[in-house]
Protein backbone atom coordinates (compact mmCIF):
# COMPACT_ATOMS: atom_id res chain seq x y z
CA MET A 1 -2.94 -5.17 42.22
CA ALA A 2 -2.36 -5.49 38.50
CA LYS A 3 -5.55 -7.65 38.20
CA ILE A 4 -7.55 -4.90 39.87
CA ALA A 5 -6.15 -2.30 37.50
CA LEU A 6 -6.96 -4.58 34.54
CA LEU A 7 -10.52 -5.19 35.77
CA ASN A 8 -11.01 -1.42 36.30
CA ALA A 9 -9.76 -0.70 32.77
CA GLU A 10 -12.12 -3.38 31.36
CA ALA A 11 -15.10 -1.99 33.37
CA ALA A 12 -14.29 1.52 32.12
CA LYS A 13 -14.17 0.31 28.56
CA ASN A 14 -17.55 -1.51 28.99
CA ILE A 15 -19.15 1.63 30.57
CA LYS A 16 -17.92 3.75 27.69
CA SER A 17 -19.31 1.34 25.13
CA LEU A 18 -22.65 1.20 26.94
CA ILE A 19 -22.85 4.99 27.10
CA ALA A 20 -22.04 5.27 23.36
CA GLU A 21 -24.64 2.65 22.48
CA THR A 22 -27.32 4.34 24.67
CA THR A 23 -26.54 7.76 23.18
CA ASP A 24 -26.82 6.35 19.68
CA ASN A 25 -30.15 4.75 20.49
CA VAL A 26 -31.60 7.95 22.04
CA THR A 27 -30.30 10.04 19.11
CA GLN A 28 -31.87 7.68 16.56
CA GLY A 29 -35.24 7.73 18.53
CA ASN A 30 -35.11 11.56 18.52
CA LEU A 31 -34.34 11.72 14.81
CA THR A 32 -37.26 9.36 14.09
CA MET A 33 -39.59 11.48 16.20
CA VAL A 34 -38.49 14.72 14.46
CA ASN A 35 -39.05 13.15 11.06
CA GLU A 36 -42.59 11.97 12.12
CA LEU A 37 -43.46 15.38 13.43
CA ALA A 38 -42.19 17.09 10.24
CA GLY A 39 -44.33 14.77 8.23
CA SER A 40 -47.26 15.52 10.31
CA SER A 41 -46.73 19.19 9.80
CA ASP A 42 -46.63 18.67 6.07
CA VAL A 43 -49.88 16.84 6.17
CA LEU A 44 -51.70 19.33 8.28
CA LYS A 45 -50.55 22.50 6.49
CA PRO A 46 -52.94 22.14 3.59
CA ARG A 47 -55.73 21.32 6.01
CA VAL A 48 -55.00 24.50 7.96
CA GLU A 49 -54.85 26.60 4.83
CA GLU A 50 -58.20 25.18 3.66
CA LEU A 51 -59.76 25.88 7.05
CA GLN A 52 -58.45 29.49 6.93
CA LYS A 53 -60.02 29.98 3.52
CA ARG A 54 -63.38 28.61 4.68
CA THR A 55 -63.49 30.62 7.91
CA GLY A 56 -61.81 33.74 6.61
CA LYS A 57 -65.18 35.31 5.66
CA PHE A 58 -66.47 35.27 9.17
CA ARG A 59 -65.99 38.42 11.25
CA LEU A 60 -66.61 39.10 14.94
CA ILE A 61 -69.13 41.66 15.99
CA GLU A 62 -67.45 44.60 17.63
CA GLY A 63 -68.01 44.82 21.37
CA THR A 64 -68.76 41.21 21.97
CA PRO A 65 -66.63 39.15 24.39
CA ALA A 66 -65.02 37.19 21.45
CA ALA A 67 -64.09 40.41 19.69
CA ARG A 68 -62.36 41.76 22.83
CA VAL A 69 -60.38 38.60 23.30
CA ALA A 70 -59.26 38.76 19.66
CA GLU A 71 -58.28 42.36 20.09
CA GLU A 72 -56.21 41.68 23.20
CA ALA A 73 -54.46 38.77 21.50
CA ALA A 74 -53.56 40.93 18.48
CA LEU A 75 -52.06 43.50 20.82
CA ARG A 76 -49.55 40.98 22.30
CA PRO A 77 -47.26 39.94 19.49
CA GLU A 78 -44.80 38.41 21.96
CA LYS A 79 -47.51 35.77 22.66
CA GLN A 80 -47.82 34.89 18.92
CA ARG A 81 -46.03 32.02 17.40
CA GLN A 82 -42.71 32.63 15.91
CA ARG A 83 -40.95 30.43 13.45
CA VAL A 84 -37.62 29.14 14.75
CA LYS A 85 -34.61 27.54 12.94
CA THR A 86 -33.86 23.95 14.03
CA SER A 87 -30.43 22.51 13.63
CA VAL A 88 -31.94 19.17 12.61
CA LEU A 89 -33.71 20.55 9.53
CA ARG A 90 -31.10 23.12 8.60
CA ASP A 91 -32.09 24.35 5.08
CA GLN A 92 -35.49 22.70 4.99
CA GLU A 93 -38.74 24.54 5.43
CA ASN A 94 -40.08 23.75 8.86
CA TYR A 95 -43.14 24.52 10.97
CA TRP A 96 -41.65 24.50 14.51
CA TYR A 97 -42.69 27.26 16.72
CA SER A 98 -41.68 28.76 19.93
CA PHE A 99 -44.31 29.87 22.46
């Protein structure tokens, strides 16, 4: 009976160790992915700003299907992207959005 209890305790210890190791690996992988995505955002931001400058002079002709779609989208602010705070990047500027 004592041997079974000892084996159970050892198995529990090994399971806890495995869970901790797996959690650490997943957390590290998530952190790496967040850093890569944040870097991608930093690279893309100047490109988006340049594209906005270049296309900002274009206007839609009133009454066309494209103009109606743009008007409908402008009327639905809840569908527009909103900046959100992320716990990972606390005080850093970020470009994560909710949809």
